[in-house]
Amino acid sequence: MSTLLSEKERRWQELNTTYGSGVVDALGKKIDPGILLLVVALNALGITTTASCEGHLEGSFAPYVDIVCAPPDDERQEALEALTFAQRLEMTDGEEAALPYLRAAQERLHALDQHYHLPVRRCIISWLNTFYSARVGTRYECQLALRSLITFGVVEQLRLENAGAELLAEEEAAVHAQKLATYQAEMAAFALFLKEVYWQS
């Protein structure tokens, strides 16, 4: 048991060090301290993140974490090429000639979705269900939700954000500041919850 615990501690420390000091984004900036715990917890639990933000007053940004759920590049490319071929065939030879190819391409994309995206979504939704079962009365706009980031019909990433995130920019400054603080607190609470999930798993 102690060996297992020390292994978990080692993994947590490695991730905390990596994401806390080593990882930078495309602009060379480190992970925001207000979202670091959530990033570490997700990765410790096997959910790979690609981008994050703790939320800021300037730029009207709400907090978020982007999560990988895309198929490998070669599988994704093959599926998109099959879809492109079917669409071109439809333009040249008509819908009837292209229909079998369109169906096959759509089935391929659906299979990729089932294999890569949906298990990640199910896992996070399961955590959110448990988290919110103990947080009755949390306003919907503050609750965390998943949004799909889709490219050519393939779910490339999931964005974990507050349900009201996209409306935040429309708020007046005082309301914006108040809601941002509430949204950040909700993210922080979920991070602590996932940390407990990690240590209890």
N, C-alpha and C. Protein backbone atom coordinates (compact mmCIF):
# COMPACT_ATOMS: atom_id res chain seq x y z
N MET A 1 0.83 -1.21 0.00
CA MET A 1 0.00 0.00 0.00
C MET A 1 0.86 1.25 0.00
N SER A 2 1.93 1.25 0.83
CA SER A 2 2.80 2.42 0.92
C SER A 2 3.51 2.66 -0.41
N THR A 3 3.87 1.57 -1.14
CA THR A 3 4.51 1.71 -2.44
C THR A 3 3.56 2.38 -3.42
N LEU A 4 2.29 1.95 -3.42
CA LEU A 4 1.28 2.54 -4.29
C LEU A 4 1.10 4.02 -3.98
N LEU A 5 1.03 4.34 -2.70
CA LEU A 5 0.85 5.73 -2.29
C LEU A 5 2.03 6.58 -2.71
N SER A 6 3.25 6.06 -2.52
CA SER A 6 4.42 6.83 -2.90
C SER A 6 4.47 7.03 -4.42
N GLU A 7 4.00 6.04 -5.17
CA GLU A 7 3.94 6.17 -6.63
C GLU A 7 2.96 7.27 -7.02
N LYS A 8 1.83 7.33 -6.34
CA LYS A 8 0.84 8.39 -6.62
C LYS A 8 1.42 9.76 -6.27
N GLU A 9 2.12 9.81 -5.16
CA GLU A 9 2.74 11.07 -4.75
C GLU A 9 3.78 11.51 -5.77
N ARG A 10 4.58 10.55 -6.24
CA ARG A 10 5.61 10.86 -7.23
C ARG A 10 4.98 11.40 -8.51
N ARG A 11 3.92 10.74 -8.96
CA ARG A 11 3.25 11.18 -10.19
C ARG A 11 2.68 12.58 -10.02
N TRP A 12 2.04 12.83 -8.88
CA TRP A 12 1.45 14.14 -8.63
C TRP A 12 2.53 15.22 -8.63
N GLN A 13 3.65 14.94 -7.96
CA GLN A 13 4.73 15.92 -7.88
C GLN A 13 5.32 16.19 -9.26
N GLU A 14 5.49 15.14 -10.07
CA GLU A 14 6.02 15.31 -11.42
C GLU A 14 5.12 16.21 -12.25
N LEU A 15 3.82 15.93 -12.21
CA LEU A 15 2.87 16.74 -12.98
C LEU A 15 2.83 18.17 -12.47
N ASN A 16 2.86 18.34 -11.17
CA ASN A 16 2.83 19.68 -10.58
C ASN A 16 4.05 20.48 -11.00
N THR A 17 5.21 19.82 -11.04
CA THR A 17 6.44 20.48 -11.46
C THR A 17 6.40 20.81 -12.95
N THR A 18 5.98 19.81 -13.74
CA THR A 18 5.92 19.99 -15.20
C THR A 18 4.99 21.13 -15.58
N TYR A 19 3.77 21.09 -15.06
CA TYR A 19 2.79 22.10 -15.45
C TYR A 19 2.98 23.42 -14.70
N GLY A 20 3.59 23.34 -13.54
CA GLY A 20 3.77 24.55 -12.75
C GLY A 20 4.95 25.40 -13.18
N SER A 21 5.94 24.76 -13.80
CA SER A 21 7.12 25.54 -14.17
C SER A 21 7.64 25.27 -15.58
N GLY A 22 7.33 24.10 -16.12
CA GLY A 22 7.93 23.74 -17.40
C GLY A 22 7.09 24.01 -18.63
N VAL A 23 5.79 23.87 -18.53
CA VAL A 23 4.92 23.96 -19.70
C VAL A 23 4.57 25.42 -20.00
N VAL A 24 4.71 25.79 -21.26
CA VAL A 24 4.30 27.13 -21.70
C VAL A 24 3.41 27.00 -22.92
N ASP A 25 2.60 28.04 -23.17
CA ASP A 25 1.72 28.01 -24.34
C ASP A 25 2.44 28.55 -25.57
N ALA A 26 1.68 28.73 -26.66
CA ALA A 26 2.26 29.19 -27.92
C ALA A 26 2.87 30.59 -27.80
N LEU A 27 2.42 31.37 -26.82
CA LEU A 27 2.95 32.72 -26.60
C LEU A 27 4.09 32.73 -25.58
N GLY A 28 4.47 31.54 -25.12
CA GLY A 28 5.56 31.44 -24.15
C GLY A 28 5.15 31.73 -22.72
N LYS A 29 3.84 31.74 -22.45
CA LYS A 29 3.35 32.03 -21.10
C LYS A 29 3.11 30.75 -20.32
N LYS A 30 3.37 30.81 -19.01
CA LYS A 30 3.13 29.66 -18.14
C LYS A 30 1.65 29.52 -17.84
N ILE A 31 1.29 28.35 -17.32
CA ILE A 31 -0.10 28.11 -16.93
C ILE A 31 -0.47 29.05 -15.79
N ASP A 32 -1.65 29.65 -15.89
CA ASP A 32 -2.13 30.57 -14.85
C ASP A 32 -2.23 29.82 -13.52
N PRO A 33 -1.76 30.43 -12.43
CA PRO A 33 -1.81 29.75 -11.13
C PRO A 33 -3.22 29.38 -10.68
N GLY A 34 -4.23 30.17 -11.10
CA GLY A 34 -5.59 29.91 -10.68
C GLY A 34 -6.24 28.70 -11.34
N ILE A 35 -5.60 28.15 -12.37
CA ILE A 35 -6.16 26.97 -13.06
C ILE A 35 -5.20 25.78 -12.99
N LEU A 36 -4.02 25.99 -12.39
CA LEU A 36 -2.97 24.97 -12.36
C LEU A 36 -3.44 23.68 -11.68
N LEU A 37 -4.10 23.79 -10.54
CA LEU A 37 -4.53 22.59 -9.81
C LEU A 37 -5.47 21.74 -10.66
N LEU A 38 -6.38 22.38 -11.39
CA LEU A 38 -7.31 21.64 -12.25
C LEU A 38 -6.56 20.94 -13.38
N VAL A 39 -5.59 21.61 -13.98
CA VAL A 39 -4.79 21.02 -15.05
C VAL A 39 -4.03 19.81 -14.53
N VAL A 40 -3.39 19.95 -13.37
CA VAL A 40 -2.63 18.84 -12.78
C VAL A 40 -3.56 17.67 -12.46
N ALA A 41 -4.71 17.96 -11.84
CA ALA A 41 -5.65 16.90 -11.45
C ALA A 41 -6.17 16.14 -12.67
N LEU A 42 -6.56 16.85 -13.70
CA LEU A 42 -7.06 16.18 -14.91
C LEU A 42 -5.99 15.27 -15.51
N ASN A 43 -4.78 15.78 -15.66
CA ASN A 43 -3.70 14.98 -16.25
C ASN A 43 -3.33 13.80 -15.35
N ALA A 44 -3.38 13.99 -14.04
CA ALA A 44 -3.10 12.89 -13.11
C ALA A 44 -4.12 11.77 -13.28
N LEU A 45 -5.35 12.15 -13.64
CA LEU A 45 -6.42 11.18 -13.83
C LEU A 45 -6.49 10.64 -15.26
N GLY A 46 -5.49 10.98 -16.08
CA GLY A 46 -5.41 10.43 -17.43
C GLY A 46 -6.11 11.25 -18.50
N ILE A 47 -6.54 12.46 -18.17
CA ILE A 47 -7.19 13.34 -19.15
C ILE A 47 -6.17 14.37 -19.60
N THR A 48 -5.80 14.33 -20.87
CA THR A 48 -4.74 15.20 -21.39
C THR A 48 -5.29 16.58 -21.75
N THR A 49 -4.66 17.62 -21.22
CA THR A 49 -5.09 19.00 -21.50
C THR A 49 -4.14 19.64 -22.50
N THR A 50 -4.66 20.63 -23.24
CA THR A 50 -3.83 21.30 -24.25
C THR A 50 -3.73 22.80 -24.03
N ALA A 51 -4.69 23.39 -23.35
CA ALA A 51 -4.68 24.84 -23.13
C ALA A 51 -5.57 25.14 -21.93
N SER A 52 -5.33 26.29 -21.31
CA SER A 52 -6.13 26.66 -20.15
C SER A 52 -6.00 28.15 -19.88
N CYS A 53 -6.92 28.66 -19.07
CA CYS A 53 -6.89 30.06 -18.65
C CYS A 53 -7.66 30.16 -17.35
N GLU A 54 -7.13 30.93 -16.39
CA GLU A 54 -7.83 31.09 -15.12
C GLU A 54 -8.96 32.11 -15.20
N GLY A 55 -9.03 32.83 -16.33
CA GLY A 55 -10.03 33.88 -16.50
C GLY A 55 -9.43 35.22 -16.11
N HIS A 56 -9.78 36.24 -16.89
CA HIS A 56 -9.22 37.58 -16.67
C HIS A 56 -10.29 38.63 -16.96
N LEU A 57 -10.17 39.74 -16.27
CA LEU A 57 -11.09 40.86 -16.52
C LEU A 57 -10.81 41.46 -17.89
N GLU A 58 -9.54 41.66 -18.22
CA GLU A 58 -9.21 42.21 -19.53
C GLU A 58 -9.39 41.12 -20.58
N GLY A 59 -10.01 41.47 -21.68
CA GLY A 59 -10.26 40.49 -22.74
C GLY A 59 -11.53 39.69 -22.53
N SER A 60 -12.21 39.89 -21.41
CA SER A 60 -13.48 39.22 -21.14
C SER A 60 -13.38 37.70 -21.16
N PHE A 61 -12.29 37.17 -20.64
CA PHE A 61 -12.11 35.72 -20.66
C PHE A 61 -12.66 35.08 -19.39
N ALA A 62 -13.42 34.02 -19.57
CA ALA A 62 -13.85 33.18 -18.46
C ALA A 62 -12.83 32.04 -18.32
N PRO A 63 -12.75 31.40 -17.17
CA PRO A 63 -11.80 30.29 -17.03
C PRO A 63 -12.21 29.10 -17.91
N TYR A 64 -11.21 28.37 -18.38
CA TYR A 64 -11.48 27.17 -19.17
C TYR A 64 -10.26 26.26 -19.17
N VAL A 65 -10.51 25.00 -19.53
CA VAL A 65 -9.45 24.04 -19.80
C VAL A 65 -9.85 23.29 -21.07
N ASP A 66 -8.92 23.20 -22.03
CA ASP A 66 -9.15 22.42 -23.24
C ASP A 66 -8.55 21.03 -23.07
N ILE A 67 -9.30 20.03 -23.53
CA ILE A 67 -8.97 18.62 -23.29
C ILE A 67 -8.89 17.88 -24.62
N VAL A 68 -7.86 17.08 -24.77
CA VAL A 68 -7.66 16.30 -26.00
C VAL A 68 -8.65 15.15 -26.07
N CYS A 69 -9.29 15.00 -27.23
CA CYS A 69 -10.10 13.80 -27.46
C CYS A 69 -10.09 13.44 -28.94
N ALA A 70 -9.10 13.96 -29.67
CA ALA A 70 -9.01 13.71 -31.11
C ALA A 70 -8.36 12.37 -31.39
N PRO A 71 -8.72 11.75 -32.51
CA PRO A 71 -8.03 10.52 -32.91
C PRO A 71 -6.61 10.85 -33.35
N PRO A 72 -5.75 9.84 -33.46
CA PRO A 72 -4.40 10.08 -33.98
C PRO A 72 -4.47 10.70 -35.38
N ASP A 73 -3.45 11.47 -35.74
CA ASP A 73 -3.45 12.21 -37.00
C ASP A 73 -3.70 11.33 -38.21
N ASP A 74 -3.09 10.14 -38.24
CA ASP A 74 -3.24 9.28 -39.42
C ASP A 74 -4.68 8.79 -39.57
N GLU A 75 -5.32 8.39 -38.47
CA GLU A 75 -6.71 7.93 -38.54
C GLU A 75 -7.64 9.08 -38.92
N ARG A 76 -7.40 10.24 -38.33
CA ARG A 76 -8.21 11.42 -38.63
C ARG A 76 -8.07 11.78 -40.11
N GLN A 77 -6.83 11.77 -40.62
CA GLN A 77 -6.57 12.14 -42.01
C GLN A 77 -7.25 11.17 -42.97
N GLU A 78 -7.17 9.89 -42.69
CA GLU A 78 -7.82 8.90 -43.55
C GLU A 78 -9.32 9.10 -43.60
N ALA A 79 -9.93 9.38 -42.45
CA ALA A 79 -11.38 9.60 -42.40
C ALA A 79 -11.78 10.85 -43.17
N LEU A 80 -11.01 11.91 -43.03
CA LEU A 80 -11.31 13.16 -43.72
C LEU A 80 -11.10 13.02 -45.23
N GLU A 81 -10.09 12.25 -45.63
CA GLU A 81 -9.86 12.02 -47.06
C GLU A 81 -11.02 11.23 -47.66
N ALA A 82 -11.53 10.26 -46.93
CA ALA A 82 -12.68 9.48 -47.41
C ALA A 82 -13.90 10.37 -47.56
N LEU A 83 -14.10 11.28 -46.61
CA LEU A 83 -15.23 12.21 -46.69
C LEU A 83 -15.06 13.17 -47.86
N THR A 84 -13.86 13.69 -48.05
CA THR A 84 -13.58 14.61 -49.17
C THR A 84 -13.83 13.93 -50.51
N PHE A 85 -13.37 12.68 -50.63
CA PHE A 85 -13.60 11.91 -51.86
C PHE A 85 -15.09 11.78 -52.13
N ALA A 86 -15.86 11.43 -51.12
CA ALA A 86 -17.31 11.24 -51.28
C ALA A 86 -17.98 12.55 -51.67
N GLN A 87 -17.56 13.65 -51.10
CA GLN A 87 -18.16 14.95 -51.42
C GLN A 87 -17.83 15.38 -52.85
N ARG A 88 -16.61 15.10 -53.28
CA ARG A 88 -16.24 15.42 -54.68
C ARG A 88 -17.01 14.56 -55.67
N LEU A 89 -17.16 13.29 -55.31
CA LEU A 89 -17.92 12.38 -56.16
C LEU A 89 -19.36 12.85 -56.29
N GLU A 90 -19.91 13.34 -55.20
CA GLU A 90 -21.28 13.84 -55.22
C GLU A 90 -21.42 15.02 -56.18
N MET A 91 -20.42 15.89 -56.23
CA MET A 91 -20.46 17.05 -57.13
C MET A 91 -20.31 16.65 -58.59
N THR A 92 -19.51 15.61 -58.86
CA THR A 92 -19.26 15.23 -60.25
C THR A 92 -20.26 14.19 -60.78
N ASP A 93 -20.59 13.21 -59.93
CA ASP A 93 -21.41 12.09 -60.40
C ASP A 93 -22.82 12.06 -59.83
N GLY A 94 -23.09 12.94 -58.89
CA GLY A 94 -24.43 13.01 -58.32
C GLY A 94 -24.55 12.30 -56.99
N GLU A 95 -25.67 12.61 -56.33
CA GLU A 95 -25.89 12.11 -54.97
C GLU A 95 -26.00 10.59 -54.91
N GLU A 96 -26.68 10.01 -55.90
CA GLU A 96 -26.90 8.56 -55.87
C GLU A 96 -25.59 7.79 -55.95
N ALA A 97 -24.68 8.24 -56.82
CA ALA A 97 -23.38 7.56 -56.97
C ALA A 97 -22.52 7.72 -55.72
N ALA A 98 -22.65 8.87 -55.08
CA ALA A 98 -21.80 9.17 -53.93
C ALA A 98 -22.33 8.62 -52.61
N LEU A 99 -23.63 8.29 -52.58
CA LEU A 99 -24.27 7.93 -51.31
C LEU A 99 -23.55 6.81 -50.54
N PRO A 100 -23.16 5.71 -51.17
CA PRO A 100 -22.46 4.66 -50.40
C PRO A 100 -21.15 5.15 -49.78
N TYR A 101 -20.44 6.01 -50.52
CA TYR A 101 -19.16 6.54 -50.03
C TYR A 101 -19.38 7.54 -48.90
N LEU A 102 -20.44 8.34 -49.03
CA LEU A 102 -20.77 9.29 -47.97
C LEU A 102 -21.13 8.55 -46.68
N ARG A 103 -21.94 7.50 -46.83
CA ARG A 103 -22.33 6.70 -45.65
C ARG A 103 -21.11 6.07 -44.99
N ALA A 104 -20.23 5.52 -45.82
CA ALA A 104 -19.03 4.86 -45.29
C ALA A 104 -18.13 5.87 -44.56
N ALA A 105 -17.99 7.06 -45.14
CA ALA A 105 -17.15 8.10 -44.52
C ALA A 105 -17.77 8.57 -43.20
N GLN A 106 -19.09 8.73 -43.19
CA GLN A 106 -19.77 9.17 -41.97
C GLN A 106 -19.68 8.10 -40.88
N GLU A 107 -19.80 6.83 -41.29
CA GLU A 107 -19.66 5.72 -40.33
C GLU A 107 -18.24 5.69 -39.74
N ARG A 108 -17.27 5.99 -40.58
CA ARG A 108 -15.87 6.01 -40.11
C ARG A 108 -15.66 7.14 -39.10
N LEU A 109 -16.20 8.31 -39.41
CA LEU A 109 -16.10 9.44 -38.48
C LEU A 109 -16.82 9.13 -37.17
N HIS A 110 -17.98 8.49 -37.27
CA HIS A 110 -18.75 8.12 -36.09
C HIS A 110 -17.96 7.12 -35.23
N ALA A 111 -17.30 6.18 -35.88
CA ALA A 111 -16.50 5.19 -35.14
C ALA A 111 -15.34 5.86 -34.40
N LEU A 112 -14.71 6.83 -35.04
CA LEU A 112 -13.63 7.57 -34.37
C LEU A 112 -14.17 8.32 -33.16
N ASP A 113 -15.34 8.93 -33.35
CA ASP A 113 -15.99 9.67 -32.27
C ASP A 113 -16.27 8.74 -31.08
N GLN A 114 -16.80 7.56 -31.39
CA GLN A 114 -17.14 6.58 -30.35
C GLN A 114 -15.89 6.11 -29.61
N HIS A 115 -14.80 5.99 -30.34
CA HIS A 115 -13.58 5.42 -29.75
C HIS A 115 -12.75 6.44 -28.97
N TYR A 116 -12.69 7.68 -29.45
CA TYR A 116 -11.78 8.65 -28.84
C TYR A 116 -12.49 9.73 -28.03
N HIS A 117 -13.54 10.31 -28.58
CA HIS A 117 -14.18 11.46 -27.93
C HIS A 117 -15.14 11.05 -26.82
N LEU A 118 -16.03 10.12 -27.12
CA LEU A 118 -17.10 9.80 -26.16
C LEU A 118 -16.60 9.23 -24.83
N PRO A 119 -15.58 8.37 -24.81
CA PRO A 119 -15.10 7.90 -23.50
C PRO A 119 -14.59 9.03 -22.60
N VAL A 120 -13.90 10.00 -23.20
CA VAL A 120 -13.41 11.15 -22.43
C VAL A 120 -14.59 11.96 -21.91
N ARG A 121 -15.56 12.22 -22.78
CA ARG A 121 -16.75 12.97 -22.37
C ARG A 121 -17.50 12.25 -21.25
N ARG A 122 -17.69 10.94 -21.40
CA ARG A 122 -18.41 10.16 -20.37
C ARG A 122 -17.70 10.25 -19.02
N CYS A 123 -16.40 10.13 -19.04
CA CYS A 123 -15.60 10.16 -17.82
C CYS A 123 -15.78 11.50 -17.10
N ILE A 124 -15.65 12.60 -17.84
CA ILE A 124 -15.76 13.93 -17.22
C ILE A 124 -17.18 14.19 -16.75
N ILE A 125 -18.17 13.76 -17.53
CA ILE A 125 -19.56 13.94 -17.12
C ILE A 125 -19.84 13.15 -15.84
N SER A 126 -19.27 11.97 -15.72
CA SER A 126 -19.44 11.18 -14.50
C SER A 126 -18.90 11.94 -13.29
N TRP A 127 -17.74 12.55 -13.43
CA TRP A 127 -17.18 13.36 -12.33
C TRP A 127 -18.07 14.56 -12.03
N LEU A 128 -18.54 15.22 -13.09
CA LEU A 128 -19.41 16.39 -12.89
C LEU A 128 -20.70 16.00 -12.19
N ASN A 129 -21.27 14.86 -12.56
CA ASN A 129 -22.49 14.39 -11.89
C ASN A 129 -22.26 14.20 -10.39
N THR A 130 -21.16 13.56 -10.04
CA THR A 130 -20.84 13.35 -8.63
C THR A 130 -20.59 14.68 -7.93
N PHE A 131 -19.83 15.54 -8.56
CA PHE A 131 -19.51 16.86 -8.01
C PHE A 131 -20.78 17.66 -7.71
N TYR A 132 -21.70 17.70 -8.68
CA TYR A 132 -22.90 18.52 -8.51
C TYR A 132 -23.98 17.84 -7.66
N SER A 133 -23.85 16.56 -7.40
CA SER A 133 -24.81 15.91 -6.51
C SER A 133 -24.67 16.48 -5.09
N ALA A 134 -23.51 17.02 -4.78
CA ALA A 134 -23.28 17.60 -3.45
C ALA A 134 -23.35 19.14 -3.48
N ARG A 135 -23.68 19.70 -4.62
CA ARG A 135 -23.71 21.17 -4.75
C ARG A 135 -25.07 21.63 -5.26
N VAL A 136 -26.10 21.13 -4.63
CA VAL A 136 -27.47 21.49 -5.01
C VAL A 136 -27.66 22.99 -4.80
N GLY A 137 -28.26 23.62 -5.78
CA GLY A 137 -28.51 25.06 -5.67
C GLY A 137 -27.50 25.91 -6.41
N THR A 138 -26.46 25.29 -6.99
CA THR A 138 -25.50 26.05 -7.78
C THR A 138 -26.19 26.59 -9.02
N ARG A 139 -26.09 27.89 -9.24
CA ARG A 139 -26.72 28.49 -10.41
C ARG A 139 -26.19 27.85 -11.69
N TYR A 140 -27.09 27.63 -12.65
CA TYR A 140 -26.71 26.94 -13.88
C TYR A 140 -25.55 27.64 -14.59
N GLU A 141 -25.59 28.95 -14.67
CA GLU A 141 -24.54 29.66 -15.41
C GLU A 141 -23.16 29.45 -14.79
N CYS A 142 -23.11 29.14 -13.50
CA CYS A 142 -21.83 28.89 -12.83
C CYS A 142 -21.37 27.45 -13.00
N GLN A 143 -22.31 26.54 -13.25
CA GLN A 143 -21.97 25.12 -13.35
C GLN A 143 -21.02 24.88 -14.51
N LEU A 144 -20.17 23.89 -14.35
CA LEU A 144 -19.21 23.53 -15.39
C LEU A 144 -19.87 22.64 -16.43
N ALA A 145 -19.49 22.88 -17.67
CA ALA A 145 -20.07 22.14 -18.79
C ALA A 145 -18.98 21.88 -19.83
N LEU A 146 -19.25 20.94 -20.72
CA LEU A 146 -18.32 20.62 -21.79
C LEU A 146 -18.84 21.15 -23.12
N ARG A 147 -17.96 21.81 -23.86
CA ARG A 147 -18.30 22.27 -25.20
C ARG A 147 -17.36 21.58 -26.19
N SER A 148 -17.91 21.08 -27.29
CA SER A 148 -17.10 20.39 -28.30
C SER A 148 -16.45 21.40 -29.23
N LEU A 149 -15.16 21.22 -29.48
CA LEU A 149 -14.43 22.01 -30.47
C LEU A 149 -14.22 21.10 -31.67
N ILE A 150 -14.95 21.37 -32.75
CA ILE A 150 -15.06 20.45 -33.89
C ILE A 150 -14.35 21.00 -35.11
N THR A 151 -13.61 20.11 -35.80
CA THR A 151 -12.98 20.46 -37.07
C THR A 151 -13.38 19.41 -38.09
N PHE A 152 -14.04 19.84 -39.17
CA PHE A 152 -14.48 18.94 -40.24
C PHE A 152 -15.23 17.72 -39.70
N GLY A 153 -16.10 17.95 -38.77
CA GLY A 153 -16.94 16.88 -38.26
C GLY A 153 -16.28 15.99 -37.21
N VAL A 154 -15.01 16.27 -36.88
CA VAL A 154 -14.30 15.48 -35.87
C VAL A 154 -14.17 16.32 -34.61
N VAL A 155 -14.57 15.76 -33.47
CA VAL A 155 -14.40 16.46 -32.20
C VAL A 155 -12.92 16.38 -31.83
N GLU A 156 -12.23 17.51 -31.97
CA GLU A 156 -10.80 17.58 -31.72
C GLU A 156 -10.50 17.74 -30.23
N GLN A 157 -11.31 18.60 -29.59
CA GLN A 157 -11.08 18.90 -28.18
C GLN A 157 -12.42 19.13 -27.49
N LEU A 158 -12.39 19.02 -26.18
CA LEU A 158 -13.52 19.43 -25.35
C LEU A 158 -13.05 20.61 -24.53
N ARG A 159 -13.90 21.60 -24.36
CA ARG A 159 -13.58 22.73 -23.49
C ARG A 159 -14.44 22.64 -22.24
N LEU A 160 -13.78 22.56 -21.09
CA LEU A 160 -14.47 22.58 -19.81
C LEU A 160 -14.55 24.04 -19.37
N GLU A 161 -15.77 24.54 -19.24
CA GLU A 161 -15.96 25.95 -18.88
C GLU A 161 -17.29 26.11 -18.16
N ASN A 162 -17.51 27.25 -17.57
CA ASN A 162 -18.79 27.54 -16.94
C ASN A 162 -19.85 27.70 -18.01
N ALA A 163 -21.08 27.29 -17.70
CA ALA A 163 -22.16 27.33 -18.69
C ALA A 163 -22.39 28.75 -19.22
N GLY A 164 -22.16 29.76 -18.39
CA GLY A 164 -22.38 31.14 -18.82
C GLY A 164 -21.17 31.82 -19.42
N ALA A 165 -20.11 31.07 -19.71
CA ALA A 165 -18.84 31.65 -20.15
C ALA A 165 -18.97 32.54 -21.37
N GLU A 166 -19.72 32.09 -22.38
CA GLU A 166 -19.79 32.86 -23.62
C GLU A 166 -20.60 34.15 -23.48
N LEU A 167 -21.37 34.27 -22.41
CA LEU A 167 -22.17 35.48 -22.18
C LEU A 167 -21.43 36.51 -21.32
N LEU A 168 -20.32 36.10 -20.74
CA LEU A 168 -19.62 36.96 -19.79
C LEU A 168 -19.19 38.28 -20.42
N ALA A 169 -18.77 38.25 -21.66
CA ALA A 169 -18.28 39.45 -22.34
C ALA A 169 -19.36 40.52 -22.49
N GLU A 170 -20.62 40.12 -22.42
CA GLU A 170 -21.72 41.07 -22.61
C GLU A 170 -22.08 41.81 -21.32
N GLU A 171 -21.53 41.40 -20.20
CA GLU A 171 -21.89 41.99 -18.92
C GLU A 171 -21.19 43.33 -18.69
N GLU A 172 -21.82 44.21 -17.90
CA GLU A 172 -21.19 45.45 -17.50
C GLU A 172 -20.02 45.11 -16.57
N ALA A 173 -19.07 46.04 -16.44
CA ALA A 173 -17.80 45.77 -15.74
C ALA A 173 -18.00 45.20 -14.34
N ALA A 174 -18.89 45.80 -13.55
CA ALA A 174 -19.07 45.35 -12.16
C ALA A 174 -19.65 43.94 -12.10
N VAL A 175 -20.65 43.69 -12.96
CA VAL A 175 -21.28 42.35 -13.00
C VAL A 175 -20.27 41.33 -13.54
N HIS A 176 -19.52 41.75 -14.54
CA HIS A 176 -18.49 40.89 -15.13
C HIS A 176 -17.51 40.45 -14.05
N ALA A 177 -17.01 41.38 -13.28
CA ALA A 177 -16.03 41.07 -12.23
C ALA A 177 -16.61 40.11 -11.20
N GLN A 178 -17.86 40.34 -10.82
CA GLN A 178 -18.51 39.49 -9.82
C GLN A 178 -18.70 38.07 -10.35
N LYS A 179 -19.19 37.97 -11.59
CA LYS A 179 -19.43 36.65 -12.17
C LYS A 179 -18.11 35.92 -12.42
N LEU A 180 -17.09 36.65 -12.86
CA LEU A 180 -15.80 36.02 -13.10
C LEU A 180 -15.28 35.38 -11.81
N ALA A 181 -15.38 36.11 -10.71
CA ALA A 181 -14.93 35.57 -9.42
C ALA A 181 -15.70 34.30 -9.04
N THR A 182 -17.01 34.31 -9.33
CA THR A 182 -17.84 33.13 -9.03
C THR A 182 -17.46 31.96 -9.93
N TYR A 183 -17.22 32.24 -11.20
CA TYR A 183 -16.82 31.19 -12.15
C TYR A 183 -15.48 30.59 -11.74
N GLN A 184 -14.55 31.45 -11.34
CA GLN A 184 -13.23 30.97 -10.92
C GLN A 184 -13.35 30.09 -9.67
N ALA A 185 -14.21 30.48 -8.75
CA ALA A 185 -14.40 29.70 -7.52
C ALA A 185 -14.97 28.32 -7.85
N GLU A 186 -15.86 28.25 -8.84
CA GLU A 186 -16.45 26.97 -9.24
C GLU A 186 -15.38 26.05 -9.84
N MET A 187 -14.51 26.61 -10.67
CA MET A 187 -13.40 25.84 -11.24
C MET A 187 -12.48 25.34 -10.13
N ALA A 188 -12.18 26.20 -9.17
CA ALA A 188 -11.28 25.84 -8.07
C ALA A 188 -11.88 24.71 -7.23
N ALA A 189 -13.19 24.77 -6.99
CA ALA A 189 -13.86 23.73 -6.21
C ALA A 189 -13.81 22.39 -6.96
N PHE A 190 -14.00 22.42 -8.28
CA PHE A 190 -13.94 21.19 -9.07
C PHE A 190 -12.52 20.62 -9.07
N ALA A 191 -11.53 21.50 -9.10
CA ALA A 191 -10.14 21.06 -9.05
C ALA A 191 -9.86 20.31 -7.74
N LEU A 192 -10.33 20.85 -6.63
CA LEU A 192 -10.16 20.18 -5.33
C LEU A 192 -10.87 18.84 -5.31
N PHE A 193 -12.07 18.80 -5.90
CA PHE A 193 -12.83 17.55 -5.99
C PHE A 193 -12.04 16.50 -6.78
N LEU A 194 -11.48 16.89 -7.93
CA LEU A 194 -10.72 15.94 -8.74
C LEU A 194 -9.43 15.49 -8.05
N LYS A 195 -8.84 16.39 -7.28
CA LYS A 195 -7.67 16.00 -6.52
C LYS A 195 -8.02 14.88 -5.55
N GLU A 196 -9.18 15.01 -4.91
CA GLU A 196 -9.65 13.95 -4.00
C GLU A 196 -9.93 12.66 -4.76
N VAL A 197 -10.53 12.79 -5.94
CA VAL A 197 -10.78 11.60 -6.78
C VAL A 197 -9.46 10.89 -7.07
N TYR A 198 -8.45 11.66 -7.41
CA TYR A 198 -7.13 11.07 -7.71
C TYR A 198 -6.59 10.31 -6.52
N TRP A 199 -6.61 10.92 -5.35
CA TRP A 199 -6.01 10.30 -4.17
C TRP A 199 -6.83 9.10 -3.68
N GLN A 200 -8.12 9.09 -3.98
CA GLN A 200 -8.96 7.98 -3.53
C GLN A 200 -9.01 6.83 -4.55
N SER A 201 -8.56 7.11 -5.78
CA SER A 201 -8.66 6.08 -6.83
C SER A 201 -7.57 5.02 -6.68
